[in-house]
Amino acid sequence: MSSEQTAVVKELLYQLADDDFIHSYRGSEWLGLAPHIEEDVAASSITQDTMGHAAMFYQLLEELGEGDANQLAHDRPASERKNAIILELVNGPGHYMGEPVYDWAFAVVRNYFYTQAKMIKIHSLQGSSYQPLADIAAKVRMELYYHLMHWKTWFIQLMGSGHEEALSRMKAVIEKTSRDFRGVFSYGQHNDSFVKQGLIEDEAVLLERWHQAVSPVLESAGLRRVDAGLASGDGRDGIHTEDLETALETLGEVYVIDKTAAW
């Protein structure tokens, strides 16, 4: 690859890695707090898989000369992160080590929406012109099938529970999640270069596939198609919230003890 082509590949890898990295962290905060023990085990397993996916993307960046994968994951400031803003938002007020007041409805909606989006993107990446990325996509897709089935089941059960409070809360967090969800499909300023190089399909094409996938599920609960927006800005351009700053401080606590160690 030319230096220009390599730079484009790196940009996409940062987006993929940072998305999974912060999403996995938000999932890990539910350890011991999920609604029941079986879900605690299942959600923890999914979270571990997702962090493994992030590690594979960071490893590709290391192989492309971007530095140590651990450093890329733990030692970059929020301003350099490429993740979508919706993925960094806290699960709710409080702290998981103190008195968390987390919202399981928000977790289910965000997890279902993101996992469905990730499945669509991974499917596109299997045809990527960058073969190492296509190979990883094939591996990720096998695990992602079960992740999607899990969160879609939770989503459908909560939407169809018949409980007025559950439905009301789900509608509220669907609206909350939708406001910033277009950021998951955004490539920032790189849509044309990603597509031209054959790395992944156009972001608008993938977003429409996501709408086609989630709309029947929403309609079955009497809800209309959601309007995925960018209300808080585009994380691909380094725009983030204080939630990310706090998360990165926590994530890096062990790493900074000895940055030369293999974590």
C-alpha atoms as a PDB file:
ATOM      1  CA  MET A   1       0.000   0.000   0.000  1.00  0.00           C
ATOM      2  CA  SER A   2       1.032   3.582  -0.579  1.00  0.00           C
ATOM      3  CA  SER A   3       1.450   5.896   2.422  1.00  0.00           C
ATOM      4  CA  GLU A   4      -1.872   7.528   1.552  1.00  0.00           C
ATOM      5  CA  GLN A   5      -3.689   4.191   1.417  1.00  0.00           C
ATOM      6  CA  THR A   6      -2.109   3.107   4.694  1.00  0.00           C
ATOM      7  CA  ALA A   7      -3.282   6.299   6.391  1.00  0.00           C
ATOM      8  CA  VAL A   8      -6.856   5.615   5.280  1.00  0.00           C
ATOM      9  CA  VAL A   9      -6.733   2.037   6.600  1.00  0.00           C
ATOM     10  CA  LYS A  10      -5.422   3.285   9.945  1.00  0.00           C
ATOM     11  CA  GLU A  11      -8.267   5.778  10.254  1.00  0.00           C
ATOM     12  CA  LEU A  12     -10.877   3.068   9.786  1.00  0.00           C
ATOM     13  CA  LEU A  13      -9.125   0.761  12.241  1.00  0.00           C
ATOM     14  CA  TYR A  14      -9.064   3.481  14.904  1.00  0.00           C
ATOM     15  CA  GLN A  15     -12.795   4.002  14.481  1.00  0.00           C
ATOM     16  CA  LEU A  16     -13.535   0.286  14.778  1.00  0.00           C
ATOM     17  CA  ALA A  17     -11.178  -0.278  17.698  1.00  0.00           C
ATOM     18  CA  ASP A  18     -12.248   2.745  19.720  1.00  0.00           C
ATOM     19  CA  ASP A  19     -15.951   1.938  19.259  1.00  0.00           C
ATOM     20  CA  ASP A  20     -15.557  -1.590  20.619  1.00  0.00           C
ATOM     21  CA  PHE A  21     -13.142  -0.518  23.352  1.00  0.00           C
ATOM     22  CA  ILE A  22     -15.430   2.016  25.016  1.00  0.00           C
ATOM     23  CA  HIS A  23     -18.569  -0.030  24.368  1.00  0.00           C
ATOM     24  CA  SER A  24     -16.955  -2.996  26.077  1.00  0.00           C
ATOM     25  CA  TYR A  25     -16.024  -0.851  29.054  1.00  0.00           C
ATOM     26  CA  ARG A  26     -19.589   0.379  29.510  1.00  0.00           C
ATOM     27  CA  GLY A  27     -20.688  -3.242  29.362  1.00  0.00           C
ATOM     28  CA  SER A  28     -18.150  -4.257  32.008  1.00  0.00           C
ATOM     29  CA  GLU A  29     -19.671  -1.791  34.473  1.00  0.00           C
ATOM     30  CA  TRP A  30     -22.742  -4.048  34.667  1.00  0.00           C
ATOM     31  CA  LEU A  31     -20.726  -6.881  36.222  1.00  0.00           C
ATOM     32  CA  GLY A  32     -22.620  -7.904  39.348  1.00  0.00           C
ATOM     33  CA  LEU A  33     -25.415  -5.452  38.575  1.00  0.00           C
ATOM     34  CA  ALA A  34     -27.319  -7.200  35.775  1.00  0.00           C
ATOM     35  CA  PRO A  35     -30.965  -8.152  36.494  1.00  0.00           C
ATOM     36  CA  HIS A  36     -30.142 -11.784  37.356  1.00  0.00           C
ATOM     37  CA  ILE A  37     -27.173 -14.133  37.640  1.00  0.00           C
ATOM     38  CA  GLU A  38     -27.645 -15.773  34.236  1.00  0.00           C
ATOM     39  CA  GLU A  39     -27.641 -12.373  32.563  1.00  0.00           C
ATOM     40  CA  ASP A  40     -24.592 -11.354  34.570  1.00  0.00           C
ATOM     41  CA  VAL A  41     -22.687 -14.292  33.077  1.00  0.00           C
ATOM     42  CA  ALA A  42     -24.020 -13.795  29.537  1.00  0.00           C
ATOM     43  CA  ALA A  43     -23.428 -10.039  29.430  1.00  0.00           C
ATOM     44  CA  SER A  44     -19.931 -10.441  30.869  1.00  0.00           C
ATOM     45  CA  SER A  45     -19.071 -12.982  28.178  1.00  0.00           C
ATOM     46  CA  ILE A  46     -20.316 -10.648  25.443  1.00  0.00           C
ATOM     47  CA  THR A  47     -18.342  -7.777  26.941  1.00  0.00           C
ATOM     48  CA  GLN A  48     -15.191  -9.902  26.992  1.00  0.00           C
ATOM     49  CA  ASP A  49     -15.695 -10.839  23.339  1.00  0.00           C
ATOM     50  CA  THR A  50     -16.134  -7.188  22.395  1.00  0.00           C
ATOM     51  CA  MET A  51     -12.913  -6.188  24.113  1.00  0.00           C
ATOM     52  CA  GLY A  52     -11.228  -9.019  22.213  1.00  0.00           C
ATOM     53  CA  HIS A  53     -12.481  -7.506  18.961  1.00  0.00           C
ATOM     54  CA  ALA A  54     -11.055  -4.127  19.931  1.00  0.00           C
ATOM     55  CA  ALA A  55      -7.729  -5.806  20.729  1.00  0.00           C
ATOM     56  CA  MET A  56      -7.582  -7.340  17.245  1.00  0.00           C
ATOM     57  CA  PHE A  57      -8.147  -3.965  15.594  1.00  0.00           C
ATOM     58  CA  TYR A  58      -5.506  -2.334  17.805  1.00  0.00           C
ATOM     59  CA  GLN A  59      -3.122  -5.169  16.946  1.00  0.00           C
ATOM     60  CA  LEU A  60      -3.528  -4.404  13.238  1.00  0.00           C
ATOM     61  CA  LEU A  61      -2.676  -0.787  14.001  1.00  0.00           C
ATOM     62  CA  GLU A  62       0.447  -1.940  15.839  1.00  0.00           C
ATOM     63  CA  GLU A  63       1.448  -4.006  12.808  1.00  0.00           C
ATOM     64  CA  LEU A  64       0.999  -0.895  10.663  1.00  0.00           C
ATOM     65  CA  GLY A  65       3.512   0.992  12.813  1.00  0.00           C
ATOM     66  CA  GLU A  66       1.161   2.957  15.085  1.00  0.00           C
ATOM     67  CA  GLY A  67       2.840   1.798  18.273  1.00  0.00           C
ATOM     68  CA  ASP A  68       2.122  -0.739  20.997  1.00  0.00           C
ATOM     69  CA  ALA A  69      -1.479  -1.993  21.051  1.00  0.00           C
ATOM     70  CA  ASN A  70      -1.726  -1.508  24.827  1.00  0.00           C
ATOM     71  CA  GLN A  71      -0.630   2.092  24.476  1.00  0.00           C
ATOM     72  CA  LEU A  72      -3.147   2.694  21.708  1.00  0.00           C
ATOM     73  CA  ALA A  73      -5.908   1.331  23.908  1.00  0.00           C
ATOM     74  CA  HIS A  74      -4.985   2.911  27.236  1.00  0.00           C
ATOM     75  CA  ASP A  75      -2.703   5.881  26.740  1.00  0.00           C
ATOM     76  CA  ARG A  76      -4.369   8.105  24.145  1.00  0.00           C
ATOM     77  CA  PRO A  77      -6.259  11.216  25.307  1.00  0.00           C
ATOM     78  CA  ALA A  78      -9.966  11.644  24.655  1.00  0.00           C
ATOM     79  CA  SER A  79      -9.242  14.209  21.943  1.00  0.00           C
ATOM     80  CA  GLU A  80      -7.563  11.492  19.854  1.00  0.00           C
ATOM     81  CA  ARG A  81     -10.360   8.938  20.231  1.00  0.00           C
ATOM     82  CA  LYS A  82     -12.520   8.108  17.224  1.00  0.00           C
ATOM     83  CA  ASN A  83     -15.458   6.374  18.931  1.00  0.00           C
ATOM     84  CA  ALA A  84     -19.080   7.371  18.432  1.00  0.00           C
ATOM     85  CA  ILE A  85     -20.380   9.580  21.243  1.00  0.00           C
ATOM     86  CA  ILE A  86     -23.402   7.400  22.030  1.00  0.00           C
ATOM     87  CA  LEU A  87     -21.076   4.571  23.082  1.00  0.00           C
ATOM     88  CA  GLU A  88     -19.234   6.612  25.705  1.00  0.00           C
ATOM     89  CA  LEU A  89     -22.270   7.885  27.621  1.00  0.00           C
ATOM     90  CA  VAL A  90     -22.562   6.628  31.204  1.00  0.00           C
ATOM     91  CA  ASN A  91     -24.984   3.831  32.054  1.00  0.00           C
ATOM     92  CA  GLY A  92     -26.609   6.136  34.571  1.00  0.00           C
ATOM     93  CA  PRO A  93     -25.757   8.247  37.616  1.00  0.00           C
ATOM     94  CA  GLY A  94     -23.474   7.003  40.350  1.00  0.00           C
ATOM     95  CA  HIS A  95     -20.460   4.715  40.116  1.00  0.00           C
ATOM     96  CA  TYR A  96     -20.357   0.938  39.784  1.00  0.00           C
ATOM     97  CA  MET A  97     -18.057   0.724  42.835  1.00  0.00           C
ATOM     98  CA  GLY A  98     -20.334   2.904  44.961  1.00  0.00           C
ATOM     99  CA  GLU A  99     -24.043   3.491  44.516  1.00  0.00           C
ATOM    100  CA  PRO A 100     -24.841   3.043  40.816  1.00  0.00           C
ATOM    101  CA  VAL A 101     -28.291   3.968  39.576  1.00  0.00           C
ATOM    102  CA  TYR A 102     -27.944   2.431  36.145  1.00  0.00           C
ATOM    103  CA  ASP A 103     -30.639   2.087  33.512  1.00  0.00           C
ATOM    104  CA  TRP A 104     -31.023  -1.438  32.151  1.00  0.00           C
ATOM    105  CA  ALA A 105     -33.443  -0.208  29.487  1.00  0.00           C
ATOM    106  CA  PHE A 106     -30.739   2.119  28.136  1.00  0.00           C
ATOM    107  CA  ALA A 107     -28.219  -0.732  28.199  1.00  0.00           C
ATOM    108  CA  VAL A 108     -30.536  -3.011  26.232  1.00  0.00           C
ATOM    109  CA  VAL A 109     -31.399  -0.393  23.604  1.00  0.00           C
ATOM    110  CA  ARG A 110     -27.819   0.768  23.140  1.00  0.00           C
ATOM    111  CA  ASN A 111     -26.528  -2.806  23.006  1.00  0.00           C
ATOM    112  CA  TYR A 112     -29.169  -3.950  20.533  1.00  0.00           C
ATOM    113  CA  PHE A 113     -28.829  -0.916  18.273  1.00  0.00           C
ATOM    114  CA  TYR A 114     -25.020  -1.077  18.325  1.00  0.00           C
ATOM    115  CA  THR A 115     -24.760  -4.839  17.859  1.00  0.00           C
ATOM    116  CA  GLN A 116     -27.122  -4.692  14.893  1.00  0.00           C
ATOM    117  CA  ALA A 117     -25.073  -1.855  13.429  1.00  0.00           C
ATOM    118  CA  LYS A 118     -21.840  -3.729  14.055  1.00  0.00           C
ATOM    119  CA  MET A 119     -23.180  -6.840  12.337  1.00  0.00           C
ATOM    120  CA  ILE A 120     -23.985  -4.785   9.238  1.00  0.00           C
ATOM    121  CA  LYS A 121     -20.567  -3.153   9.231  1.00  0.00           C
ATOM    122  CA  ILE A 122     -18.752  -6.442   9.832  1.00  0.00           C
ATOM    123  CA  HIS A 123     -20.634  -8.053   6.960  1.00  0.00           C
ATOM    124  CA  SER A 124     -19.446  -5.220   4.706  1.00  0.00           C
ATOM    125  CA  LEU A 125     -15.889  -5.521   6.025  1.00  0.00           C
ATOM    126  CA  GLN A 126     -15.753  -9.168   4.984  1.00  0.00           C
ATOM    127  CA  GLY A 127     -15.429  -7.853   1.444  1.00  0.00           C
ATOM    128  CA  SER A 128     -12.787  -5.285   2.384  1.00  0.00           C
ATOM    129  CA  SER A 129      -9.870  -4.704   0.035  1.00  0.00           C
ATOM    130  CA  TYR A 130      -7.585  -4.818   3.099  1.00  0.00           C
ATOM    131  CA  GLN A 131      -7.348  -8.573   3.585  1.00  0.00           C
ATOM    132  CA  PRO A 132      -6.196  -8.597   7.246  1.00  0.00           C
ATOM    133  CA  LEU A 133      -9.312  -6.600   8.128  1.00  0.00           C
ATOM    134  CA  ALA A 134     -11.536  -8.897   6.063  1.00  0.00           C
ATOM    135  CA  ASP A 135     -10.064 -11.893   7.888  1.00  0.00           C
ATOM    136  CA  ILE A 136     -10.797 -10.369  11.295  1.00  0.00           C
ATOM    137  CA  ALA A 137     -14.337  -9.501  10.204  1.00  0.00           C
ATOM    138  CA  ALA A 138     -14.981 -13.164   9.398  1.00  0.00           C
ATOM    139  CA  LYS A 139     -13.895 -14.158  12.916  1.00  0.00           C
ATOM    140  CA  VAL A 140     -15.882 -11.421  14.618  1.00  0.00           C
ATOM    141  CA  ARG A 141     -19.061 -12.255  12.726  1.00  0.00           C
ATOM    142  CA  MET A 142     -19.217 -15.749  14.210  1.00  0.00           C
ATOM    143  CA  GLU A 143     -19.374 -14.371  17.760  1.00  0.00           C
ATOM    144  CA  LEU A 144     -21.531 -11.413  16.799  1.00  0.00           C
ATOM    145  CA  TYR A 145     -24.379 -13.668  15.682  1.00  0.00           C
ATOM    146  CA  TYR A 146     -24.941 -14.749  19.291  1.00  0.00           C
ATOM    147  CA  HIS A 147     -24.459 -11.229  20.665  1.00  0.00           C
ATOM    148  CA  LEU A 148     -27.160  -9.906  18.359  1.00  0.00           C
ATOM    149  CA  MET A 149     -29.559 -12.724  19.180  1.00  0.00           C
ATOM    150  CA  HIS A 150     -29.083 -12.013  22.886  1.00  0.00           C
ATOM    151  CA  TRP A 151     -29.742  -8.271  22.798  1.00  0.00           C
ATOM    152  CA  LYS A 152     -32.535  -8.497  20.245  1.00  0.00           C
ATOM    153  CA  THR A 153     -34.309 -10.978  22.530  1.00  0.00           C
ATOM    154  CA  TRP A 154     -34.003  -8.626  25.492  1.00  0.00           C
ATOM    155  CA  PHE A 155     -35.246  -5.711  23.388  1.00  0.00           C
ATOM    156  CA  ILE A 156     -38.314  -7.603  22.153  1.00  0.00           C
ATOM    157  CA  GLN A 157     -39.146  -8.919  25.623  1.00  0.00           C
ATOM    158  CA  LEU A 158     -39.037  -5.478  27.232  1.00  0.00           C
ATOM    159  CA  MET A 159     -40.995  -3.860  24.421  1.00  0.00           C
ATOM    160  CA  GLY A 160     -43.640  -6.583  24.521  1.00  0.00           C
ATOM    161  CA  SER A 161     -43.797  -7.086  28.269  1.00  0.00           C
ATOM    162  CA  GLY A 162     -47.162  -5.370  28.583  1.00  0.00           C
ATOM    163  CA  HIS A 163     -45.900  -3.340  31.542  1.00  0.00           C
ATOM    164  CA  GLU A 164     -46.635   0.356  31.129  1.00  0.00           C
ATOM    165  CA  GLU A 165     -43.481   1.422  32.983  1.00  0.00           C
ATOM    166  CA  ALA A 166     -41.230  -0.848  30.906  1.00  0.00           C
ATOM    167  CA  LEU A 167     -42.686   0.422  27.646  1.00  0.00           C
ATOM    168  CA  SER A 168     -42.458   4.040  28.760  1.00  0.00           C
ATOM    169  CA  ARG A 169     -38.823   3.677  29.767  1.00  0.00           C
ATOM    170  CA  MET A 170     -37.945   1.851  26.580  1.00  0.00           C
ATOM    171  CA  LYS A 171     -39.532   4.574  24.444  1.00  0.00           C
ATOM    172  CA  ALA A 172     -37.579   7.227  26.344  1.00  0.00           C
ATOM    173  CA  VAL A 173     -34.198   5.534  25.887  1.00  0.00           C
ATOM    174  CA  ILE A 174     -34.913   4.701  22.240  1.00  0.00           C
ATOM    175  CA  GLU A 175     -35.342   8.431  21.681  1.00  0.00           C
ATOM    176  CA  LYS A 176     -32.211   9.183  23.723  1.00  0.00           C
ATOM    177  CA  THR A 177     -30.102   6.630  21.853  1.00  0.00           C
ATOM    178  CA  SER A 178     -31.418   7.630  18.441  1.00  0.00           C
ATOM    179  CA  ARG A 179     -30.390  11.268  18.874  1.00  0.00           C
ATOM    180  CA  ASP A 180     -26.715  10.369  18.565  1.00  0.00           C
ATOM    181  CA  PHE A 181     -26.790   6.975  16.888  1.00  0.00           C
ATOM    182  CA  ARG A 182     -25.843   8.154  13.412  1.00  0.00           C
ATOM    183  CA  GLY A 183     -22.368   8.608  14.848  1.00  0.00           C
ATOM    184  CA  VAL A 184     -21.914   4.831  14.847  1.00  0.00           C
ATOM    185  CA  PHE A 185     -22.183   4.827  11.039  1.00  0.00           C
ATOM    186  CA  SER A 186     -20.301   8.063  10.469  1.00  0.00           C
ATOM    187  CA  TYR A 187     -16.810   7.909   8.968  1.00  0.00           C
ATOM    188  CA  GLY A 188     -16.166  11.549   9.772  1.00  0.00           C
ATOM    189  CA  GLN A 189     -14.432  13.205   6.849  1.00  0.00           C
ATOM    190  CA  HIS A 190     -13.338   9.892   5.355  1.00  0.00           C
ATOM    191  CA  ASN A 191     -16.422   8.390   3.723  1.00  0.00           C
ATOM    192  CA  ASP A 192     -15.227   8.971   0.161  1.00  0.00           C
ATOM    193  CA  SER A 193     -11.712   7.661   0.819  1.00  0.00           C
ATOM    194  CA  PHE A 194     -12.982   4.529   2.609  1.00  0.00           C
ATOM    195  CA  VAL A 195     -15.323   3.725  -0.257  1.00  0.00           C
ATOM    196  CA  LYS A 196     -12.852   4.622  -3.011  1.00  0.00           C
ATOM    197  CA  GLN A 197     -10.250   2.315  -1.500  1.00  0.00           C
ATOM    198  CA  GLY A 198     -12.784  -0.499  -1.158  1.00  0.00           C
ATOM    199  CA  LEU A 199     -12.414  -0.817   2.599  1.00  0.00           C
ATOM    200  CA  ILE A 200     -16.117  -0.670   3.454  1.00  0.00           C
ATOM    201  CA  GLU A 201     -19.358   0.446   1.840  1.00  0.00           C
ATOM    202  CA  ASP A 202     -20.784   3.969   1.961  1.00  0.00           C
ATOM    203  CA  GLU A 203     -21.994   4.997   5.423  1.00  0.00           C
ATOM    204  CA  ALA A 204     -25.428   5.983   4.076  1.00  0.00           C
ATOM    205  CA  VAL A 205     -25.876   2.512   2.564  1.00  0.00           C
ATOM    206  CA  LEU A 206     -25.052   0.793   5.844  1.00  0.00           C
ATOM    207  CA  LEU A 207     -27.254   3.147   7.855  1.00  0.00           C
ATOM    208  CA  GLU A 208     -30.203   2.334   5.606  1.00  0.00           C
ATOM    209  CA  ARG A 209     -29.563  -1.396   6.112  1.00  0.00           C
ATOM    210  CA  TRP A 210     -29.645  -0.810   9.843  1.00  0.00           C
ATOM    211  CA  HIS A 211     -32.980   0.987   9.532  1.00  0.00           C
ATOM    212  CA  GLN A 212     -34.336  -1.940   7.528  1.00  0.00           C
ATOM    213  CA  ALA A 213     -33.185  -4.368  10.227  1.00  0.00           C
ATOM    214  CA  VAL A 214     -34.529  -2.560  13.290  1.00  0.00           C
ATOM    215  CA  SER A 215     -37.701  -1.044  11.838  1.00  0.00           C
ATOM    216  CA  PRO A 216     -39.742  -4.303  11.828  1.00  0.00           C
ATOM    217  CA  VAL A 217     -38.834  -4.863  15.481  1.00  0.00           C
ATOM    218  CA  LEU A 218     -39.927  -1.331  16.364  1.00  0.00           C
ATOM    219  CA  GLU A 219     -43.102  -1.587  14.312  1.00  0.00           C
ATOM    220  CA  SER A 220     -44.087  -4.799  16.062  1.00  0.00           C
ATOM    221  CA  ALA A 221     -44.238  -2.725  19.256  1.00  0.00           C
ATOM    222  CA  GLY A 222     -46.229   0.038  17.574  1.00  0.00           C
ATOM    223  CA  LEU A 223     -43.280   2.392  17.131  1.00  0.00           C
ATOM    224  CA  ARG A 224     -42.294   4.255  13.989  1.00  0.00           C
ATOM    225  CA  ARG A 225     -38.899   4.264  12.304  1.00  0.00           C
ATOM    226  CA  VAL A 226     -36.291   6.046  14.435  1.00  0.00           C
ATOM    227  CA  ASP A 227     -34.400   9.086  13.200  1.00  0.00           C
ATOM    228  CA  ALA A 228     -30.702   8.446  13.849  1.00  0.00           C
ATOM    229  CA  GLY A 229     -28.991  11.781  14.424  1.00  0.00           C
ATOM    230  CA  LEU A 230     -25.754  13.504  15.454  1.00  0.00           C
ATOM    231  CA  ALA A 231     -27.140  15.761  18.155  1.00  0.00           C
ATOM    232  CA  SER A 232     -23.964  15.912  20.259  1.00  0.00           C
ATOM    233  CA  GLY A 233     -21.477  16.035  17.383  1.00  0.00           C
ATOM    234  CA  ASP A 234     -19.303  13.478  15.621  1.00  0.00           C
ATOM    235  CA  GLY A 235     -16.856  11.493  17.722  1.00  0.00           C
ATOM    236  CA  ARG A 236     -14.894  10.637  14.568  1.00  0.00           C
ATOM    237  CA  ASP A 237     -13.733  14.258  14.599  1.00  0.00           C
ATOM    238  CA  GLY A 238     -12.528  14.105  18.208  1.00  0.00           C
ATOM    239  CA  ILE A 239     -15.671  15.613  19.722  1.00  0.00           C
ATOM    240  CA  HIS A 240     -16.477  13.883  23.007  1.00  0.00           C
ATOM    241  CA  THR A 241     -18.147  14.284  26.385  1.00  0.00           C
ATOM    242  CA  GLU A 242     -16.782  14.354  29.917  1.00  0.00           C
ATOM    243  CA  ASP A 243     -18.079  10.802  30.227  1.00  0.00           C
ATOM    244  CA  LEU A 244     -15.247   9.634  27.987  1.00  0.00           C
ATOM    245  CA  GLU A 245     -12.616  11.517  29.988  1.00  0.00           C
ATOM    246  CA  THR A 246     -13.759   9.834  33.206  1.00  0.00           C
ATOM    247  CA  ALA A 247     -13.952   6.410  31.572  1.00  0.00           C
ATOM    248  CA  LEU A 248     -10.411   6.657  30.194  1.00  0.00           C
ATOM    249  CA  GLU A 249      -9.065   7.622  33.615  1.00  0.00           C
ATOM    250  CA  THR A 250     -10.598   4.482  35.086  1.00  0.00           C
ATOM    251  CA  LEU A 251      -9.516   2.273  32.193  1.00  0.00           C
ATOM    252  CA  GLY A 252      -5.927   3.474  32.473  1.00  0.00           C
ATOM    253  CA  GLU A 253      -5.517   3.099  36.240  1.00  0.00           C
ATOM    254  CA  VAL A 254      -3.745  -0.266  36.049  1.00  0.00           C
ATOM    255  CA  TYR A 255      -1.903   0.498  32.821  1.00  0.00           C
ATOM    256  CA  VAL A 256      -0.189   3.605  34.211  1.00  0.00           C
ATOM    257  CA  ILE A 257       1.272   1.604  37.109  1.00  0.00           C
ATOM    258  CA  ASP A 258       3.718   0.056  34.646  1.00  0.00           C
ATOM    259  CA  LYS A 259       3.358   1.042  31.023  1.00  0.00           C
ATOM    260  CA  THR A 260       6.007  -1.470  29.955  1.00  0.00           C
ATOM    261  CA  ALA A 261       4.089  -4.458  31.343  1.00  0.00           C
ATOM    262  CA  ALA A 262       1.909  -6.669  29.150  1.00  0.00           C
ATOM    263  CA  TRP A 263      -1.643  -6.346  30.414  1.00  0.00           C
END
